[in-house]
PDB file of N, CA and C in Angstrom:
ATOM      1  N   MET A   1     127.205 116.715  95.690  1.00  0.00           N
ATOM      2  CA  MET A   1     127.217 115.418  96.076  1.00  0.00           C
ATOM      3  C   MET A   1     126.330 115.054  97.486  1.00  0.00           C
ATOM      4  N   TYR A   2     126.087 113.849  97.727  1.00  0.00           N
ATOM      5  CA  TYR A   2     125.495 113.623  99.047  1.00  0.00           C
ATOM      6  C   TYR A   2     126.623 112.822  99.972  1.00  0.00           C
ATOM      7  N   HIS A   3     126.236 113.296 101.069  1.00  0.00           N
ATOM      8  CA  HIS A   3     127.090 112.479 102.131  1.00  0.00           C
ATOM      9  C   HIS A   3     126.050 111.932 103.288  1.00  0.00           C
ATOM     10  N   PHE A   4     125.902 110.914 102.918  1.00  0.00           N
ATOM     11  CA  PHE A   4     124.747 110.232 103.941  1.00  0.00           C
ATOM     12  C   PHE A   4     125.694 109.788 105.473  1.00  0.00           C
ATOM     13  N   ASN A   5     124.941 109.837 106.588  1.00  0.00           N
ATOM     14  CA  ASN A   5     125.324 109.203 107.689  1.00  0.00           C
ATOM     15  C   ASN A   5     124.266 108.713 108.314  1.00  0.00           C
ATOM     16  N   TYR A   6     124.358 107.761 109.269  1.00  0.00           N
ATOM     17  CA  TYR A   6     123.334 107.084 110.120  1.00  0.00           C
ATOM     18  C   TYR A   6     122.881 108.062 111.203  1.00  0.00           C
ATOM     19  N   VAL A   7     121.791 108.067 111.291  1.00  0.00           N
ATOM     20  CA  VAL A   7     120.712 109.152 112.356  1.00  0.00           C
ATOM     21  C   VAL A   7     120.700 108.139 113.507  1.00  0.00           C
ATOM     22  N   SER A   8     121.161 108.935 114.637  1.00  0.00           N
ATOM     23  CA  SER A   8     120.910 108.379 116.003  1.00  0.00           C
ATOM     24  C   SER A   8     119.572 108.076 116.439  1.00  0.00           C
ATOM     25  N   SER A   9     119.538 107.057 117.121  1.00  0.00           N
ATOM     26  CA  SER A   9     118.195 106.939 117.637  1.00  0.00           C
ATOM     27  C   SER A   9     117.379 107.944 118.608  1.00  0.00           C
ATOM     28  N   LYS A  10     118.469 108.766 119.200  1.00  0.00           N
ATOM     29  CA  LYS A  10     117.962 109.863 120.120  1.00  0.00           C
ATOM     30  C   LYS A  10     117.344 110.977 119.211  1.00  0.00           C
ATOM     31  N   LYS A  11     117.774 110.879 117.926  1.00  0.00           N
ATOM     32  CA  LYS A  11     117.742 112.131 117.126  1.00  0.00           C
ATOM     33  C   LYS A  11     116.349 111.851 116.305  1.00  0.00           C
ATOM     34  N   LEU A  12     116.171 110.363 116.025  1.00  0.00           N
ATOM     35  CA  LEU A  12     115.235 109.779 115.282  1.00  0.00           C
ATOM     36  C   LEU A  12     113.833 109.527 116.193  1.00  0.00           C
ATOM     37  N   SER A  13     114.015 109.369 117.363  1.00  0.00           N
ATOM     38  CA  SER A  13     112.848 109.095 118.157  1.00  0.00           C
ATOM     39  C   SER A  13     111.824 110.056 118.478  1.00  0.00           C
ATOM     40  N   PRO A  14     112.160 111.271 118.349  1.00  0.00           N
ATOM     41  CA  PRO A  14     110.910 112.417 118.460  1.00  0.00           C
ATOM     42  C   PRO A  14     110.194 112.552 117.221  1.00  0.00           C
ATOM     43  N   VAL A  15     110.825 112.262 116.036  1.00  0.00           N
ATOM     44  CA  VAL A  15     110.141 112.376 114.735  1.00  0.00           C
ATOM     45  C   VAL A  15     109.612 111.046 114.495  1.00  0.00           C
ATOM     46  N   LYS A  16     109.802 109.919 115.082  1.00  0.00           N
ATOM     47  CA  LYS A  16     109.067 108.813 114.668  1.00  0.00           C
ATOM     48  C   LYS A  16     107.717 109.061 115.524  1.00  0.00           C
ATOM     49  N   LYS A  17     107.906 109.446 116.942  1.00  0.00           N
ATOM     50  CA  LYS A  17     106.866 109.628 117.684  1.00  0.00           C
ATOM     51  C   LYS A  17     105.884 110.762 117.029  1.00  0.00           C
ATOM     52  N   ASP A  18     106.360 111.665 116.280  1.00  0.00           N
ATOM     53  CA  ASP A  18     105.406 112.716 115.748  1.00  0.00           C
ATOM     54  C   ASP A  18     104.439 112.026 114.419  1.00  0.00           C
ATOM     55  N   LEU A  19     105.455 110.879 113.768  1.00  0.00           N
ATOM     56  CA  LEU A  19     104.425 110.462 112.756  1.00  0.00           C
ATOM     57  C   LEU A  19     103.800 109.010 113.543  1.00  0.00           C
ATOM     58  N   ILE A  20     103.967 108.748 114.673  1.00  0.00           N
ATOM     59  CA  ILE A  20     102.992 107.479 115.166  1.00  0.00           C
ATOM     60  C   ILE A  20     101.655 108.585 115.536  1.00  0.00           C
ATOM     61  N   PHE A  21     102.107 109.835 116.259  1.00  0.00           N
ATOM     62  CA  PHE A  21     100.845 110.507 116.521  1.00  0.00           C
ATOM     63  C   PHE A  21      99.882 110.981 115.223  1.00  0.00           C
ATOM     64  N   ILE A  22     100.662 111.048 114.022  1.00  0.00           N
ATOM     65  CA  ILE A  22      99.791 111.483 112.696  1.00  0.00           C
ATOM     66  C   ILE A  22      99.166 110.371 112.199  1.00  0.00           C
ATOM     67  N   MET A  23      99.704 109.150 112.396  1.00  0.00           N
ATOM     68  CA  MET A  23      99.107 107.974 111.801  1.00  0.00           C
ATOM     69  C   MET A  23      97.710 107.673 112.685  1.00  0.00           C
ATOM     70  N   ASN A  24      97.946 107.853 113.988  1.00  0.00           N
ATOM     71  CA  ASN A  24      97.027 107.491 114.630  1.00  0.00           C
ATOM     72  C   ASN A  24      95.763 108.426 114.691  1.00  0.00           C
ATOM     73  N   SER A  25      96.021 109.886 114.310  1.00  0.00           N
ATOM     74  CA  SER A  25      95.054 110.710 113.963  1.00  0.00           C
ATOM     75  C   SER A  25      94.187 110.436 112.930  1.00  0.00           C
ATOM     76  N   VAL A  26      95.025 110.104 111.985  1.00  0.00           N
ATOM     77  CA  VAL A  26      94.328 109.354 110.630  1.00  0.00           C
ATOM     78  C   VAL A  26      93.472 108.345 110.949  1.00  0.00           C
ATOM     79  N   GLN A  27      93.672 107.359 111.617  1.00  0.00           N
ATOM     80  CA  GLN A  27      92.956 106.331 111.943  1.00  0.00           C
ATOM     81  C   GLN A  27      91.733 106.733 112.556  1.00  0.00           C
ATOM     82  N   ASP A  28      91.791 107.641 113.657  1.00  0.00           N
ATOM     83  CA  ASP A  28      90.516 108.186 114.250  1.00  0.00           C
ATOM     84  C   ASP A  28      89.725 109.060 113.276  1.00  0.00           C
ATOM     85  N   LEU A  29      90.260 109.786 112.111  1.00  0.00           N
ATOM     86  CA  LEU A  29      89.539 110.244 111.485  1.00  0.00           C
ATOM     87  C   LEU A  29      88.661 109.380 110.290  1.00  0.00           C
ATOM     88  N   VAL A  30      89.084 108.388 109.829  1.00  0.00           N
ATOM     89  CA  VAL A  30      88.730 107.631 108.895  1.00  0.00           C
ATOM     90  C   VAL A  30      87.928 106.187 109.846  1.00  0.00           C
ATOM     91  N   ARG A  31      87.708 106.193 111.031  1.00  0.00           N
ATOM     92  CA  ARG A  31      87.490 104.826 111.714  1.00  0.00           C
ATOM     93  C   ARG A  31      86.106 104.551 111.269  1.00  0.00           C
ATOM     94  N   HIS A  32      85.000 105.376 111.078  1.00  0.00           N
ATOM     95  CA  HIS A  32      83.730 105.350 110.666  1.00  0.00           C
ATOM     96  C   HIS A  32      83.524 104.588 109.137  1.00  0.00           C
ATOM     97  N   ASP A  33      84.493 104.791 108.404  1.00  0.00           N
ATOM     98  CA  ASP A  33      84.562 104.164 107.062  1.00  0.00           C
ATOM     99  C   ASP A  33      85.206 103.004 106.849  1.00  0.00           C
ATOM    100  N   PHE A  34      86.554 102.960 107.395  1.00  0.00           N
ATOM    101  CA  PHE A  34      87.097 101.972 107.382  1.00  0.00           C
ATOM    102  C   PHE A  34      88.209 101.691 108.365  1.00  0.00           C
ATOM    103  N   THR A  35      88.993 100.734 108.851  1.00  0.00           N
ATOM    104  CA  THR A  35      90.063 100.695 109.523  1.00  0.00           C
ATOM    105  C   THR A  35      91.381 100.389 108.887  1.00  0.00           C
ATOM    106  N   PHE A  36      92.497 100.760 109.246  1.00  0.00           N
ATOM    107  CA  PHE A  36      93.877 100.120 108.880  1.00  0.00           C
ATOM    108  C   PHE A  36      94.903  99.768 109.995  1.00  0.00           C
ATOM    109  N   GLN A  37      95.879  99.342 110.021  1.00  0.00           N
ATOM    110  CA  GLN A  37      96.917  99.144 110.578  1.00  0.00           C
ATOM    111  C   GLN A  37      98.318  99.515 109.995  1.00  0.00           C
ATOM    112  N   PHE A  38      99.164 100.139 110.544  1.00  0.00           N
ATOM    113  CA  PHE A  38     100.507 100.341 110.084  1.00  0.00           C
ATOM    114  C   PHE A  38     101.664 100.035 110.794  1.00  0.00           C
ATOM    115  N   GLU A  39     102.702 100.006 110.063  1.00  0.00           N
ATOM    116  CA  GLU A  39     104.111  99.297 110.869  1.00  0.00           C
ATOM    117  C   GLU A  39     105.262  99.911 109.920  1.00  0.00           C
ATOM    118  N   PHE A  40     106.146 100.137 110.838  1.00  0.00           N
ATOM    119  CA  PHE A  40     107.416 100.685 110.135  1.00  0.00           C
ATOM    120  C   PHE A  40     108.129  99.544 109.378  1.00  0.00           C
ATOM    121  N   VAL A  41     108.621  99.821 108.149  1.00  0.00           N
ATOM    122  CA  VAL A  41     109.135  98.856 107.719  1.00  0.00           C
ATOM    123  C   VAL A  41     110.815  99.570 106.970  1.00  0.00           C
ATOM    124  N   GLY A  42     111.480  98.636 106.499  1.00  0.00           N
ATOM    125  CA  GLY A  42     112.739  99.041 105.759  1.00  0.00           C
ATOM    126  C   GLY A  42     113.691  99.664 106.853  1.00  0.00           C
ATOM    127  N   SER A  43     114.418 100.493 106.594  1.00  0.00           N
ATOM    128  CA  SER A  43     115.433 100.998 107.077  1.00  0.00           C
ATOM    129  C   SER A  43     114.935 101.553 108.891  1.00  0.00           C
ATOM    130  N   VAL A  44     113.727 101.700 108.786  1.00  0.00           N
ATOM    131  CA  VAL A  44     113.531 102.396 110.345  1.00  0.00           C
ATOM    132  C   VAL A  44     113.375 101.133 111.169  1.00  0.00           C
ATOM    133  N   LYS A  45     112.776 100.207 110.590  1.00  0.00           N
ATOM    134  CA  LYS A  45     112.866  98.609 111.379  1.00  0.00           C
ATOM    135  C   LYS A  45     114.122  98.338 111.693  1.00  0.00           C
ATOM    136  N   ARG A  46     114.904  98.462 110.929  1.00  0.00           N
ATOM    137  CA  ARG A  46     116.397  98.090 111.070  1.00  0.00           C
ATOM    138  C   ARG A  46     117.331  98.740 112.064  1.00  0.00           C
ATOM    139  N   GLN A  47     116.406 100.164 112.445  1.00  0.00           N
ATOM    140  CA  GLN A  47     117.367 101.112 113.000  1.00  0.00           C
ATOM    141  C   GLN A  47     118.599 101.586 112.003  1.00  0.00           C
ATOM    142  N   MET A  48     118.573 101.891 110.853  1.00  0.00           N
ATOM    143  CA  MET A  48     119.803 102.026 110.033  1.00  0.00           C
ATOM    144  C   MET A  48     119.128 103.409 109.238  1.00  0.00           C
ATOM    145  N   VAL A  49     118.439 104.230 109.511  1.00  0.00           N
ATOM    146  CA  VAL A  49     117.856 105.453 108.878  1.00  0.00           C
ATOM    147  C   VAL A  49     119.133 106.675 108.632  1.00  0.00           C
ATOM    148  N   THR A  50     119.220 106.941 107.236  1.00  0.00           N
ATOM    149  CA  THR A  50     120.404 107.845 107.022  1.00  0.00           C
ATOM    150  C   THR A  50     119.781 109.020 106.916  1.00  0.00           C
ATOM    151  N   GLN A  51     120.778 110.164 106.621  1.00  0.00           N
ATOM    152  CA  GLN A  51     120.452 111.449 106.741  1.00  0.00           C
ATOM    153  C   GLN A  51     121.468 112.143 105.676  1.00  0.00           C
ATOM    154  N   ASP A  52     121.273 113.110 104.667  1.00  0.00           N
ATOM    155  CA  ASP A  52     122.387 113.807 104.071  1.00  0.00           C
ATOM    156  C   ASP A  52     122.741 114.927 104.926  1.00  0.00           C
ATOM    157  N   ILE A  53     123.727 115.042 105.558  1.00  0.00           N
ATOM    158  CA  ILE A  53     124.148 116.378 106.371  1.00  0.00           C
ATOM    159  C   ILE A  53     124.242 117.628 105.572  1.00  0.00           C
ATOM    160  N   GLY A  54     124.515 117.394 104.492  1.00  0.00           N
ATOM    161  CA  GLY A  54     124.760 118.590 103.737  1.00  0.00           C
ATOM    162  C   GLY A  54     123.507 119.240 103.229  1.00  0.00           C
ATOM    163  N   SER A  55     122.436 118.708 103.258  1.00  0.00           N
ATOM    164  CA  SER A  55     121.105 119.477 102.905  1.00  0.00           C
ATOM    165  C   SER A  55     119.963 119.200 103.805  1.00  0.00           C
ATOM    166  N   ASN A  56     118.991 119.780 103.493  1.00  0.00           N
ATOM    167  CA  ASN A  56     117.639 119.884 104.398  1.00  0.00           C
ATOM    168  C   ASN A  56     116.635 118.558 103.623  1.00  0.00           C
ATOM    169  N   VAL A  57     117.095 117.447 103.403  1.00  0.00           N
ATOM    170  CA  VAL A  57     116.205 116.685 102.863  1.00  0.00           C
ATOM    171  C   VAL A  57     115.376 115.977 103.886  1.00  0.00           C
ATOM    172  N   GLY A  58     115.736 115.528 104.908  1.00  0.00           N
ATOM    173  CA  GLY A  58     115.253 114.800 106.000  1.00  0.00           C
ATOM    174  C   GLY A  58     115.382 113.617 106.365  1.00  0.00           C
ATOM    175  N   PHE A  59     114.381 112.684 106.707  1.00  0.00           N
ATOM    176  CA  PHE A  59     114.644 111.353 106.909  1.00  0.00           C
ATOM    177  C   PHE A  59     113.910 110.517 105.826  1.00  0.00           C
ATOM    178  N   ASP A  60     114.083 109.177 105.804  1.00  0.00           N
ATOM    179  CA  ASP A  60     113.016 108.419 104.727  1.00  0.00           C
ATOM    180  C   ASP A  60     112.315 107.390 105.479  1.00  0.00           C
ATOM    181  N   PHE A  61     111.256 107.548 105.930  1.00  0.00           N
ATOM    182  CA  PHE A  61     110.408 106.716 106.514  1.00  0.00           C
ATOM    183  C   PHE A  61     109.389 105.998 105.845  1.00  0.00           C
ATOM    184  N   ASP A  62     109.630 104.284 105.948  1.00  0.00           N
ATOM    185  CA  ASP A  62     108.782 103.773 105.063  1.00  0.00           C
ATOM    186  C   ASP A  62     107.624 102.921 106.027  1.00  0.00           C
ATOM    187  N   ILE A  63     106.577 103.003 105.834  1.00  0.00           N
ATOM    188  CA  ILE A  63     105.515 102.852 106.494  1.00  0.00           C
ATOM    189  C   ILE A  63     104.577 101.699 105.496  1.00  0.00           C
ATOM    190  N   ASN A  64     104.260 100.917 106.278  1.00  0.00           N
ATOM    191  CA  ASN A  64     103.301  99.989 105.609  1.00  0.00           C
ATOM    192  C   ASN A  64     101.983  99.754 106.187  1.00  0.00           C
ATOM    193  N   LEU A  65     101.142 100.127 105.429  1.00  0.00           N
ATOM    194  CA  LEU A  65      99.846 100.318 105.737  1.00  0.00           C
ATOM    195  C   LEU A  65      98.847  99.013 105.172  1.00  0.00           C
TER     196      LEU A  65
END
């Protein structure tokens, strides 16, 4: 059974920074063919990300491209 808890901003921040770095790297790679913007939506935007403490599932990040 899953037991979800909210993730603190302190724990979420480095993971979010890594995702931003990855998205910026992808933008640089495809810049000659097309451009795109991205933004965090859903639970990330509302600072309400959850995590199942009993498993290694990770976080759910929704990104709008």
